[in-house]
Amino acid sequence: MNVEIWSDVMCPFCYIGKRKFEAALDQFPHKDQINVIWKSFQLNPDMPTDPSRSVLDYLAEVKGIPLAQAEQMHDHVTAMAREVGLEYHFDKAVVANSFDAHRFIQLAKQHGLGDAAEERIFRAYFTEGRNTADHTTLTELGTEIGLDKIEVEKMLQTDAFTEAVEQDIYESRQIGVRGVPFFVINRKYAVSGAQPPETFLGALQTAWAE
């Protein structure tokens, strides 16, 4: 059974949603027969990469709110992340366009490492404060999860996998995805957002029963 997950690597709820979905999978008796497919999505395709700026500053500017309010919003999300065992450091997070990170994940998918790539990028962005648009960083992360260094470097120097990223984004529009994470089970059942594990488990059981 296929589970497609539209996600953006700079989306804090996507990482939280990944953990909640994994918790549901752990309780699902047919876990070994679930094929998880990560799909690209960009919440902000025009976001410029700017390592000199923090995500907090960027959010305050984009939403037109005081910095203190942006910090408050992020504190709330940080607490949500902590509940599922994740450590978020928004004060360190780098403003980075996610397109190349998505191309990196598409390459990893070709080697059966899509989940490992998604996980590693999330941790680099939210926990380690690394620039996930930087090609040297992406190459390092790639070798960490078992990708060939030369292959990652070559991919980043070209426009490889651009079409795959754009195809995923096009598909998301076709099925009406408004926000991420967005989970589609066997192209029939959809779960939107970082829902509780019971919600995911119920959807998996319903789809399996059919």
N, C-alpha and C. Protein backbone atom coordinates (compact mmCIF):
# COMPACT_ATOMS: atom_id res chain seq x y z
N MET A 1 0.85 -1.19 0.00
CA MET A 1 0.00 0.00 0.00
C MET A 1 0.89 1.24 0.00
N ASN A 2 0.57 2.19 -0.87
CA ASN A 2 1.37 3.40 -0.97
C ASN A 2 0.84 4.53 -0.09
N VAL A 3 1.75 5.23 0.56
CA VAL A 3 1.41 6.46 1.27
C VAL A 3 2.30 7.56 0.71
N GLU A 4 1.67 8.51 0.01
CA GLU A 4 2.42 9.64 -0.55
C GLU A 4 2.31 10.81 0.42
N ILE A 5 3.45 11.44 0.70
CA ILE A 5 3.46 12.55 1.66
C ILE A 5 4.04 13.79 0.99
N TRP A 6 3.15 14.77 0.76
CA TRP A 6 3.63 16.07 0.25
C TRP A 6 4.15 16.87 1.44
N SER A 7 5.36 17.38 1.31
CA SER A 7 6.03 17.99 2.45
C SER A 7 7.03 19.04 1.99
N ASP A 8 7.26 20.05 2.82
CA ASP A 8 8.33 21.02 2.54
C ASP A 8 9.34 20.94 3.68
N VAL A 9 10.61 20.92 3.34
CA VAL A 9 11.65 20.71 4.35
C VAL A 9 11.78 21.88 5.33
N MET A 10 11.18 23.02 5.00
CA MET A 10 11.23 24.16 5.93
C MET A 10 9.91 24.33 6.69
N CYS A 11 9.06 23.30 6.63
CA CYS A 11 7.76 23.34 7.29
C CYS A 11 7.85 22.62 8.64
N PRO A 12 7.73 23.37 9.75
CA PRO A 12 7.88 22.74 11.07
C PRO A 12 6.84 21.67 11.36
N PHE A 13 5.64 21.84 10.80
CA PHE A 13 4.57 20.85 11.04
C PHE A 13 4.80 19.56 10.25
N CYS A 14 5.59 19.66 9.17
CA CYS A 14 5.89 18.46 8.37
C CYS A 14 6.77 17.49 9.14
N TYR A 15 7.74 18.01 9.87
CA TYR A 15 8.64 17.16 10.68
C TYR A 15 7.84 16.55 11.83
N ILE A 16 6.99 17.36 12.46
CA ILE A 16 6.14 16.87 13.54
C ILE A 16 5.17 15.80 12.99
N GLY A 17 4.60 16.08 11.82
CA GLY A 17 3.68 15.14 11.17
C GLY A 17 4.38 13.82 10.83
N LYS A 18 5.64 13.90 10.43
CA LYS A 18 6.42 12.70 10.12
C LYS A 18 6.52 11.81 11.36
N ARG A 19 6.81 12.41 12.50
CA ARG A 19 6.92 11.65 13.75
C ARG A 19 5.58 11.01 14.15
N LYS A 20 4.50 11.78 13.99
CA LYS A 20 3.17 11.25 14.37
C LYS A 20 2.75 10.12 13.43
N PHE A 21 3.07 10.26 12.16
CA PHE A 21 2.77 9.20 11.20
C PHE A 21 3.59 7.96 11.52
N GLU A 22 4.87 8.15 11.87
CA GLU A 22 5.73 7.02 12.22
C GLU A 22 5.20 6.29 13.46
N ALA A 23 4.66 7.06 14.41
CA ALA A 23 4.07 6.46 15.62
C ALA A 23 2.87 5.58 15.25
N ALA A 24 2.08 6.05 14.26
CA ALA A 24 0.94 5.26 13.78
C ALA A 24 1.42 4.00 13.07
N LEU A 25 2.45 4.15 12.24
CA LEU A 25 2.99 2.99 11.51
C LEU A 25 3.48 1.91 12.46
N ASP A 26 4.10 2.33 13.56
CA ASP A 26 4.62 1.37 14.54
C ASP A 26 3.51 0.49 15.14
N GLN A 27 2.28 1.04 15.15
CA GLN A 27 1.15 0.28 15.70
C GLN A 27 0.38 -0.50 14.62
N PHE A 28 0.78 -0.29 13.37
CA PHE A 28 0.04 -0.90 12.26
C PHE A 28 0.61 -2.29 11.95
N PRO A 29 -0.21 -3.34 12.05
CA PRO A 29 0.32 -4.70 11.88
C PRO A 29 0.93 -5.00 10.51
N HIS A 30 0.53 -4.24 9.49
CA HIS A 30 1.05 -4.50 8.13
C HIS A 30 2.10 -3.45 7.72
N LYS A 31 2.78 -2.93 8.72
CA LYS A 31 3.78 -1.86 8.51
C LYS A 31 4.77 -2.19 7.39
N ASP A 32 5.21 -3.47 7.33
CA ASP A 32 6.23 -3.87 6.35
C ASP A 32 5.73 -3.80 4.91
N GLN A 33 4.41 -3.68 4.75
CA GLN A 33 3.86 -3.63 3.39
C GLN A 33 3.41 -2.21 3.00
N ILE A 34 3.90 -1.23 3.77
CA ILE A 34 3.60 0.17 3.45
C ILE A 34 4.79 0.80 2.75
N ASN A 35 4.53 1.38 1.60
CA ASN A 35 5.57 2.04 0.82
C ASN A 35 5.37 3.56 0.96
N VAL A 36 6.29 4.21 1.67
CA VAL A 36 6.18 5.66 1.89
C VAL A 36 6.91 6.40 0.77
N ILE A 37 6.20 7.31 0.10
CA ILE A 37 6.78 8.07 -1.01
C ILE A 37 6.74 9.56 -0.66
N TRP A 38 7.90 10.16 -0.51
CA TRP A 38 7.97 11.60 -0.19
C TRP A 38 7.81 12.43 -1.46
N LYS A 39 6.95 13.44 -1.38
CA LYS A 39 6.66 14.31 -2.52
C LYS A 39 7.07 15.75 -2.21
N SER A 40 7.59 16.42 -3.22
CA SER A 40 8.05 17.80 -3.03
C SER A 40 6.89 18.80 -3.01
N PHE A 41 7.06 19.82 -2.19
CA PHE A 41 6.09 20.92 -2.10
C PHE A 41 6.86 22.14 -1.60
N GLN A 42 6.56 23.32 -2.16
CA GLN A 42 7.21 24.54 -1.67
C GLN A 42 6.18 25.52 -1.12
N LEU A 43 6.27 25.79 0.17
CA LEU A 43 5.37 26.75 0.80
C LEU A 43 5.68 28.16 0.32
N ASN A 44 6.95 28.42 0.08
CA ASN A 44 7.36 29.75 -0.36
C ASN A 44 8.44 29.63 -1.44
N PRO A 45 8.02 29.41 -2.70
CA PRO A 45 8.98 29.20 -3.79
C PRO A 45 9.90 30.40 -4.02
N ASP A 46 9.43 31.60 -3.65
CA ASP A 46 10.22 32.82 -3.91
C ASP A 46 11.12 33.22 -2.75
N MET A 47 11.16 32.41 -1.70
CA MET A 47 11.99 32.76 -0.55
C MET A 47 13.46 32.82 -0.95
N PRO A 48 14.12 33.95 -0.71
CA PRO A 48 15.54 34.03 -1.05
C PRO A 48 16.38 33.40 0.06
N THR A 49 17.45 32.70 -0.34
CA THR A 49 18.35 32.14 0.67
C THR A 49 19.19 33.26 1.25
N ASP A 50 19.19 33.39 2.56
CA ASP A 50 19.95 34.47 3.21
C ASP A 50 20.46 33.99 4.57
N PRO A 51 21.67 33.42 4.58
CA PRO A 51 22.23 32.86 5.83
C PRO A 51 22.44 33.92 6.92
N SER A 52 22.43 35.19 6.53
CA SER A 52 22.66 36.25 7.52
C SER A 52 21.41 36.55 8.34
N ARG A 53 20.27 36.00 7.90
CA ARG A 53 19.00 36.30 8.59
C ARG A 53 18.45 35.07 9.28
N SER A 54 17.82 35.31 10.43
CA SER A 54 17.18 34.20 11.13
C SER A 54 15.76 34.04 10.61
N VAL A 55 15.22 32.86 10.79
CA VAL A 55 13.86 32.57 10.38
C VAL A 55 12.87 33.44 11.16
N LEU A 56 13.21 33.76 12.40
CA LEU A 56 12.35 34.61 13.23
C LEU A 56 12.20 36.01 12.62
N ASP A 57 13.35 36.58 12.20
CA ASP A 57 13.33 37.90 11.55
C ASP A 57 12.48 37.86 10.29
N TYR A 58 12.68 36.79 9.52
CA TYR A 58 11.98 36.66 8.25
C TYR A 58 10.47 36.56 8.47
N LEU A 59 10.06 35.74 9.43
CA LEU A 59 8.63 35.57 9.72
C LEU A 59 8.00 36.90 10.16
N ALA A 60 8.71 37.62 11.04
CA ALA A 60 8.20 38.90 11.53
C ALA A 60 7.98 39.87 10.37
N GLU A 61 8.93 39.88 9.43
CA GLU A 61 8.84 40.79 8.28
C GLU A 61 7.71 40.38 7.33
N VAL A 62 7.66 39.10 6.99
CA VAL A 62 6.66 38.61 6.03
C VAL A 62 5.23 38.78 6.56
N LYS A 63 5.05 38.47 7.83
CA LYS A 63 3.71 38.57 8.41
C LYS A 63 3.39 39.96 8.94
N GLY A 64 4.41 40.83 8.95
CA GLY A 64 4.18 42.19 9.44
C GLY A 64 3.84 42.23 10.92
N ILE A 65 4.55 41.41 11.69
CA ILE A 65 4.29 41.34 13.14
C ILE A 65 5.58 41.68 13.90
N PRO A 66 5.46 42.07 15.17
CA PRO A 66 6.67 42.33 15.96
C PRO A 66 7.48 41.06 16.16
N LEU A 67 8.79 41.21 16.32
CA LEU A 67 9.69 40.07 16.51
C LEU A 67 9.25 39.23 17.71
N ALA A 68 8.81 39.89 18.78
CA ALA A 68 8.38 39.18 19.99
C ALA A 68 7.22 38.23 19.69
N GLN A 69 6.33 38.67 18.79
CA GLN A 69 5.18 37.83 18.43
C GLN A 69 5.63 36.62 17.62
N ALA A 70 6.61 36.86 16.72
CA ALA A 70 7.17 35.77 15.91
C ALA A 70 7.83 34.74 16.84
N GLU A 71 8.53 35.22 17.85
CA GLU A 71 9.20 34.33 18.81
C GLU A 71 8.16 33.51 19.59
N GLN A 72 7.07 34.16 19.94
CA GLN A 72 5.99 33.49 20.67
C GLN A 72 5.39 32.35 19.83
N MET A 73 5.17 32.65 18.54
CA MET A 73 4.62 31.64 17.63
C MET A 73 5.56 30.43 17.54
N HIS A 74 6.85 30.73 17.42
CA HIS A 74 7.83 29.66 17.30
C HIS A 74 8.00 28.89 18.61
N ASP A 75 7.84 29.57 19.73
CA ASP A 75 7.92 28.87 21.03
C ASP A 75 6.81 27.83 21.14
N HIS A 76 5.63 28.20 20.63
CA HIS A 76 4.48 27.30 20.63
C HIS A 76 4.77 26.05 19.78
N VAL A 77 5.34 26.27 18.59
CA VAL A 77 5.66 25.15 17.69
C VAL A 77 6.79 24.30 18.28
N THR A 78 7.75 24.97 18.92
CA THR A 78 8.87 24.25 19.56
C THR A 78 8.34 23.30 20.64
N ALA A 79 7.34 23.76 21.40
CA ALA A 79 6.73 22.93 22.44
C ALA A 79 6.02 21.73 21.82
N MET A 80 5.34 21.96 20.68
CA MET A 80 4.66 20.86 19.97
C MET A 80 5.68 19.82 19.49
N ALA A 81 6.81 20.31 18.99
CA ALA A 81 7.87 19.42 18.49
C ALA A 81 8.43 18.58 19.64
N ARG A 82 8.60 19.24 20.79
CA ARG A 82 9.17 18.55 21.96
C ARG A 82 8.28 17.37 22.38
N GLU A 83 6.98 17.53 22.21
CA GLU A 83 6.03 16.46 22.59
C GLU A 83 6.26 15.17 21.81
N VAL A 84 6.82 15.31 20.59
CA VAL A 84 7.08 14.10 19.78
C VAL A 84 8.58 13.78 19.72
N GLY A 85 9.33 14.37 20.65
CA GLY A 85 10.76 14.05 20.76
C GLY A 85 11.69 14.81 19.84
N LEU A 86 11.23 15.93 19.29
CA LEU A 86 12.08 16.73 18.39
C LEU A 86 12.56 17.98 19.10
N GLU A 87 13.75 18.42 18.71
CA GLU A 87 14.32 19.62 19.31
C GLU A 87 14.45 20.69 18.22
N TYR A 88 13.66 21.74 18.33
CA TYR A 88 13.71 22.82 17.35
C TYR A 88 14.51 24.00 17.92
N HIS A 89 15.35 24.58 17.06
CA HIS A 89 16.11 25.79 17.44
C HIS A 89 15.89 26.85 16.37
N PHE A 90 14.73 27.52 16.44
CA PHE A 90 14.42 28.53 15.43
C PHE A 90 15.38 29.71 15.47
N ASP A 91 15.98 29.95 16.63
CA ASP A 91 16.94 31.07 16.74
C ASP A 91 18.17 30.82 15.85
N LYS A 92 18.43 29.54 15.53
CA LYS A 92 19.59 29.20 14.69
C LYS A 92 19.21 28.93 13.24
N ALA A 93 17.90 28.68 12.99
CA ALA A 93 17.46 28.27 11.64
C ALA A 93 17.79 29.33 10.59
N VAL A 94 18.28 28.87 9.44
CA VAL A 94 18.72 29.75 8.36
C VAL A 94 17.63 29.90 7.30
N VAL A 95 17.39 31.13 6.88
CA VAL A 95 16.43 31.38 5.79
C VAL A 95 17.01 30.77 4.50
N ALA A 96 16.35 29.72 4.00
CA ALA A 96 16.89 29.01 2.83
C ALA A 96 15.78 28.55 1.91
N ASN A 97 15.93 28.83 0.62
CA ASN A 97 14.97 28.32 -0.36
C ASN A 97 15.11 26.80 -0.41
N SER A 98 13.99 26.10 -0.49
CA SER A 98 14.03 24.64 -0.35
C SER A 98 14.15 23.86 -1.67
N PHE A 99 14.25 24.57 -2.80
CA PHE A 99 14.19 23.86 -4.09
C PHE A 99 15.32 22.83 -4.26
N ASP A 100 16.56 23.23 -3.98
CA ASP A 100 17.67 22.29 -4.15
C ASP A 100 17.61 21.15 -3.15
N ALA A 101 17.09 21.42 -1.95
CA ALA A 101 16.91 20.35 -0.97
C ALA A 101 15.91 19.32 -1.50
N HIS A 102 14.88 19.80 -2.21
CA HIS A 102 13.91 18.88 -2.80
C HIS A 102 14.55 18.07 -3.93
N ARG A 103 15.41 18.69 -4.71
CA ARG A 103 16.11 17.95 -5.77
C ARG A 103 17.00 16.86 -5.14
N PHE A 104 17.63 17.23 -4.04
CA PHE A 104 18.48 16.30 -3.28
C PHE A 104 17.66 15.08 -2.82
N ILE A 105 16.46 15.33 -2.32
CA ILE A 105 15.59 14.24 -1.85
C ILE A 105 15.14 13.37 -3.02
N GLN A 106 14.87 14.00 -4.16
CA GLN A 106 14.48 13.23 -5.36
C GLN A 106 15.61 12.28 -5.78
N LEU A 107 16.84 12.77 -5.70
CA LEU A 107 17.99 11.91 -6.01
C LEU A 107 18.06 10.75 -5.02
N ALA A 108 17.89 11.06 -3.75
CA ALA A 108 17.95 10.03 -2.70
C ALA A 108 16.87 8.96 -2.93
N LYS A 109 15.69 9.39 -3.39
CA LYS A 109 14.59 8.45 -3.65
C LYS A 109 14.99 7.40 -4.68
N GLN A 110 15.82 7.80 -5.65
CA GLN A 110 16.27 6.86 -6.69
C GLN A 110 17.10 5.72 -6.07
N HIS A 111 17.67 5.98 -4.90
CA HIS A 111 18.52 4.99 -4.24
C HIS A 111 17.84 4.37 -3.01
N GLY A 112 16.50 4.56 -2.92
CA GLY A 112 15.77 4.01 -1.79
C GLY A 112 16.07 4.72 -0.47
N LEU A 113 16.53 5.96 -0.57
CA LEU A 113 16.92 6.71 0.63
C LEU A 113 16.08 7.98 0.84
N GLY A 114 14.86 7.97 0.28
CA GLY A 114 13.99 9.14 0.39
C GLY A 114 13.68 9.52 1.83
N ASP A 115 13.35 8.52 2.63
CA ASP A 115 12.99 8.79 4.02
C ASP A 115 14.21 9.29 4.80
N ALA A 116 15.35 8.66 4.56
CA ALA A 116 16.59 9.07 5.24
C ALA A 116 16.97 10.51 4.88
N ALA A 117 16.77 10.86 3.61
CA ALA A 117 17.09 12.22 3.14
C ALA A 117 16.16 13.25 3.78
N GLU A 118 14.88 12.93 3.79
CA GLU A 118 13.88 13.84 4.38
C GLU A 118 14.21 14.08 5.86
N GLU A 119 14.48 13.00 6.57
CA GLU A 119 14.80 13.08 8.00
C GLU A 119 16.06 13.92 8.24
N ARG A 120 17.08 13.67 7.41
CA ARG A 120 18.37 14.35 7.62
C ARG A 120 18.26 15.85 7.33
N ILE A 121 17.50 16.21 6.30
CA ILE A 121 17.31 17.63 5.97
C ILE A 121 16.52 18.33 7.08
N PHE A 122 15.46 17.68 7.55
CA PHE A 122 14.67 18.27 8.65
C PHE A 122 15.56 18.57 9.86
N ARG A 123 16.38 17.58 10.23
CA ARG A 123 17.22 17.76 11.43
C ARG A 123 18.25 18.87 11.21
N ALA A 124 18.81 18.90 10.00
CA ALA A 124 19.80 19.94 9.68
C ALA A 124 19.18 21.33 9.79
N TYR A 125 17.94 21.45 9.31
CA TYR A 125 17.27 22.76 9.27
C TYR A 125 16.77 23.19 10.65
N PHE A 126 16.00 22.31 11.28
CA PHE A 126 15.31 22.71 12.52
C PHE A 126 16.13 22.56 13.80
N THR A 127 17.05 21.61 13.80
CA THR A 127 17.80 21.34 15.03
C THR A 127 19.22 21.89 14.99
N GLU A 128 19.87 21.73 13.83
CA GLU A 128 21.29 22.08 13.75
C GLU A 128 21.56 23.48 13.20
N GLY A 129 20.52 24.12 12.66
CA GLY A 129 20.71 25.48 12.13
C GLY A 129 21.64 25.55 10.93
N ARG A 130 21.57 24.51 10.07
CA ARG A 130 22.44 24.50 8.88
C ARG A 130 21.71 25.07 7.68
N ASN A 131 22.48 25.56 6.73
CA ASN A 131 21.91 26.15 5.51
C ASN A 131 21.60 25.03 4.52
N THR A 132 20.33 24.66 4.42
CA THR A 132 19.94 23.51 3.60
C THR A 132 19.83 23.85 2.11
N ALA A 133 20.20 25.08 1.75
CA ALA A 133 20.26 25.44 0.33
C ALA A 133 21.72 25.42 -0.15
N ASP A 134 22.64 25.31 0.79
CA ASP A 134 24.06 25.34 0.47
C ASP A 134 24.50 23.99 -0.11
N HIS A 135 25.17 24.03 -1.25
CA HIS A 135 25.53 22.80 -1.96
C HIS A 135 26.55 21.95 -1.19
N THR A 136 27.48 22.61 -0.50
CA THR A 136 28.46 21.85 0.29
C THR A 136 27.76 21.12 1.43
N THR A 137 26.83 21.81 2.07
CA THR A 137 26.05 21.20 3.16
C THR A 137 25.26 20.00 2.64
N LEU A 138 24.56 20.18 1.52
CA LEU A 138 23.76 19.10 0.96
C LEU A 138 24.63 17.89 0.58
N THR A 139 25.83 18.16 0.07
CA THR A 139 26.75 17.07 -0.29
C THR A 139 27.17 16.31 0.97
N GLU A 140 27.47 17.04 2.04
CA GLU A 140 27.85 16.40 3.32
C GLU A 140 26.70 15.53 3.85
N LEU A 141 25.49 16.09 3.80
CA LEU A 141 24.33 15.34 4.29
C LEU A 141 24.11 14.09 3.44
N GLY A 142 24.34 14.23 2.15
CA GLY A 142 24.18 13.10 1.24
C GLY A 142 25.12 11.96 1.56
N THR A 143 26.39 12.27 1.79
CA THR A 143 27.36 11.21 2.11
C THR A 143 27.02 10.58 3.46
N GLU A 144 26.48 11.39 4.38
CA GLU A 144 26.08 10.86 5.71
C GLU A 144 25.02 9.76 5.59
N ILE A 145 24.08 9.93 4.64
CA ILE A 145 22.99 8.94 4.52
C ILE A 145 23.32 7.83 3.53
N GLY A 146 24.52 7.91 2.92
CA GLY A 146 24.94 6.81 2.05
C GLY A 146 24.92 7.09 0.56
N LEU A 147 24.73 8.37 0.18
CA LEU A 147 24.78 8.71 -1.24
C LEU A 147 26.24 8.93 -1.66
N ASP A 148 26.49 8.78 -2.95
CA ASP A 148 27.84 9.00 -3.49
C ASP A 148 28.12 10.50 -3.59
N LYS A 149 29.22 10.92 -3.01
CA LYS A 149 29.57 12.35 -2.96
C LYS A 149 29.61 12.99 -4.36
N ILE A 150 30.28 12.30 -5.29
CA ILE A 150 30.41 12.84 -6.66
C ILE A 150 29.04 12.97 -7.32
N GLU A 151 28.19 11.97 -7.09
CA GLU A 151 26.85 12.00 -7.71
C GLU A 151 26.03 13.18 -7.19
N VAL A 152 26.12 13.44 -5.89
CA VAL A 152 25.38 14.57 -5.30
C VAL A 152 25.92 15.88 -5.86
N GLU A 153 27.24 16.00 -5.92
CA GLU A 153 27.86 17.24 -6.44
C GLU A 153 27.45 17.50 -7.89
N LYS A 154 27.49 16.46 -8.70
CA LYS A 154 27.11 16.58 -10.12
C LYS A 154 25.66 17.01 -10.26
N MET A 155 24.80 16.39 -9.47
CA MET A 155 23.37 16.70 -9.53
C MET A 155 23.14 18.18 -9.20
N LEU A 156 23.80 18.67 -8.17
CA LEU A 156 23.61 20.05 -7.73
C LEU A 156 24.16 21.07 -8.74
N GLN A 157 25.14 20.65 -9.52
CA GLN A 157 25.72 21.56 -10.52
C GLN A 157 24.86 21.67 -11.78
N THR A 158 23.89 20.76 -11.91
CA THR A 158 23.01 20.78 -13.09
C THR A 158 21.58 21.10 -12.64
N ASP A 159 20.64 20.94 -13.57
CA ASP A 159 19.23 21.13 -13.16
C ASP A 159 18.52 19.78 -13.01
N ALA A 160 19.31 18.73 -12.74
CA ALA A 160 18.75 17.39 -12.57
C ALA A 160 17.67 17.37 -11.49
N PHE A 161 16.62 16.62 -11.76
CA PHE A 161 15.48 16.43 -10.84
C PHE A 161 14.59 17.66 -10.66
N THR A 162 14.88 18.71 -11.43
CA THR A 162 14.00 19.89 -11.40
C THR A 162 12.60 19.49 -11.86
N GLU A 163 12.56 18.69 -12.91
CA GLU A 163 11.27 18.25 -13.47
C GLU A 163 10.50 17.41 -12.46
N ALA A 164 11.21 16.56 -11.72
CA ALA A 164 10.56 15.69 -10.73
C ALA A 164 9.93 16.53 -9.61
N VAL A 165 10.66 17.56 -9.16
CA VAL A 165 10.14 18.45 -8.11
C VAL A 165 8.90 19.18 -8.63
N GLU A 166 9.01 19.71 -9.86
CA GLU A 166 7.89 20.46 -10.43
C GLU A 166 6.67 19.56 -10.68
N GLN A 167 6.92 18.31 -11.04
CA GLN A 167 5.83 17.35 -11.26
C GLN A 167 5.07 17.10 -9.96
N ASP A 168 5.81 16.94 -8.87
CA ASP A 168 5.18 16.73 -7.56
C ASP A 168 4.31 17.93 -7.18
N ILE A 169 4.84 19.12 -7.42
CA ILE A 169 4.11 20.34 -7.07
C ILE A 169 2.85 20.47 -7.94
N TYR A 170 2.99 20.12 -9.23
CA TYR A 170 1.85 20.14 -10.15
C TYR A 170 0.77 19.16 -9.68
N GLU A 171 1.20 17.95 -9.29
CA GLU A 171 0.26 16.93 -8.80
C GLU A 171 -0.48 17.43 -7.56
N SER A 172 0.25 18.13 -6.69
CA SER A 172 -0.37 18.62 -5.46
C SER A 172 -1.51 19.59 -5.78
N ARG A 173 -1.31 20.39 -6.83
CA ARG A 173 -2.37 21.33 -7.24
C ARG A 173 -3.57 20.57 -7.80
N GLN A 174 -3.29 19.51 -8.55
CA GLN A 174 -4.35 18.72 -9.18
C GLN A 174 -5.26 18.08 -8.13
N ILE A 175 -4.67 17.68 -6.99
CA ILE A 175 -5.50 17.02 -5.98
C ILE A 175 -5.93 17.99 -4.88
N GLY A 176 -5.62 19.26 -5.06
CA GLY A 176 -6.14 20.28 -4.15
C GLY A 176 -5.41 20.46 -2.84
N VAL A 177 -4.09 20.19 -2.84
CA VAL A 177 -3.30 20.38 -1.62
C VAL A 177 -3.14 21.89 -1.37
N ARG A 178 -3.57 22.34 -0.21
CA ARG A 178 -3.46 23.77 0.14
C ARG A 178 -2.30 24.03 1.10
N GLY A 179 -1.99 23.01 1.88
CA GLY A 179 -0.91 23.14 2.85
C GLY A 179 -0.30 21.78 3.13
N VAL A 180 0.85 21.77 3.79
CA VAL A 180 1.53 20.52 4.08
C VAL A 180 1.81 20.42 5.58
N PRO A 181 1.97 19.18 6.10
CA PRO A 181 2.04 17.91 5.38
C PRO A 181 0.67 17.45 4.89
N PHE A 182 0.70 16.71 3.79
CA PHE A 182 -0.54 16.18 3.21
C PHE A 182 -0.27 14.72 2.83
N PHE A 183 -1.03 13.83 3.43
CA PHE A 183 -0.82 12.38 3.27
C PHE A 183 -1.93 11.79 2.40
N VAL A 184 -1.54 11.02 1.39
CA VAL A 184 -2.54 10.36 0.55
C VAL A 184 -2.27 8.86 0.57
N ILE A 185 -3.28 8.10 1.01
CA ILE A 185 -3.14 6.65 1.13
C ILE A 185 -3.83 5.97 -0.04
N ASN A 186 -3.01 5.24 -0.82
CA ASN A 186 -3.52 4.52 -2.00
C ASN A 186 -4.35 5.39 -2.94
N ARG A 187 -3.96 6.65 -3.04
CA ARG A 187 -4.63 7.61 -3.93
C ARG A 187 -6.13 7.73 -3.64
N LYS A 188 -6.54 7.35 -2.41
CA LYS A 188 -7.97 7.38 -2.10
C LYS A 188 -8.28 8.16 -0.82
N TYR A 189 -7.51 7.91 0.23
CA TYR A 189 -7.77 8.57 1.52
C TYR A 189 -6.72 9.63 1.79
N ALA A 190 -7.17 10.81 2.21
CA ALA A 190 -6.24 11.91 2.48
C ALA A 190 -6.31 12.31 3.95
N VAL A 191 -5.14 12.62 4.49
CA VAL A 191 -5.05 13.17 5.84
C VAL A 191 -4.22 14.45 5.74
N SER A 192 -4.81 15.56 6.17
CA SER A 192 -4.12 16.84 6.05
C SER A 192 -3.61 17.31 7.41
N GLY A 193 -2.33 17.70 7.47
CA GLY A 193 -1.77 18.25 8.69
C GLY A 193 -1.11 17.21 9.59
N ALA A 194 -0.49 17.72 10.66
CA ALA A 194 0.20 16.84 11.63
C ALA A 194 -0.83 16.31 12.62
N GLN A 195 -1.63 15.37 12.16
CA GLN A 195 -2.73 14.83 12.97
C GLN A 195 -2.21 13.87 14.05
N PRO A 196 -3.03 13.57 15.06
CA PRO A 196 -2.62 12.58 16.08
C PRO A 196 -2.39 11.21 15.43
N PRO A 197 -1.51 10.38 16.01
CA PRO A 197 -1.24 9.06 15.45
C PRO A 197 -2.51 8.23 15.22
N GLU A 198 -3.51 8.38 16.12
CA GLU A 198 -4.75 7.58 15.97
C GLU A 198 -5.46 7.88 14.65
N THR A 199 -5.38 9.15 14.22
CA THR A 199 -6.03 9.54 12.95
C THR A 199 -5.36 8.83 11.78
N PHE A 200 -4.02 8.83 11.79
CA PHE A 200 -3.27 8.14 10.72
C PHE A 200 -3.55 6.64 10.76
N LEU A 201 -3.56 6.09 11.97
CA LEU A 201 -3.78 4.66 12.12
C LEU A 201 -5.16 4.26 11.59
N GLY A 202 -6.16 5.07 11.90
CA GLY A 202 -7.51 4.81 11.42
C GLY A 202 -7.59 4.83 9.91
N ALA A 203 -6.90 5.81 9.30
CA ALA A 203 -6.91 5.91 7.82
C ALA A 203 -6.18 4.72 7.20
N LEU A 204 -5.08 4.30 7.79
CA LEU A 204 -4.34 3.13 7.29
C LEU A 204 -5.19 1.87 7.38
N GLN A 205 -5.88 1.71 8.51
CA GLN A 205 -6.72 0.51 8.71
C GLN A 205 -7.89 0.47 7.73
N THR A 206 -8.49 1.64 7.50
CA THR A 206 -9.62 1.71 6.56
C THR A 206 -9.16 1.34 5.14
N ALA A 207 -8.05 1.96 4.72
CA ALA A 207 -7.52 1.70 3.37
C ALA A 207 -7.11 0.23 3.23
N TRP A 208 -6.51 -0.32 4.28
CA TRP A 208 -6.06 -1.73 4.22
C TRP A 208 -7.25 -2.67 4.12
N ALA A 209 -8.28 -2.40 4.89
CA ALA A 209 -9.47 -3.26 4.91
C ALA A 209 -10.10 -3.35 3.52
N GLU A 210 -10.00 -2.27 2.77
CA GLU A 210 -10.58 -2.27 1.41
C GLU A 210 -9.76 -3.10 0.46
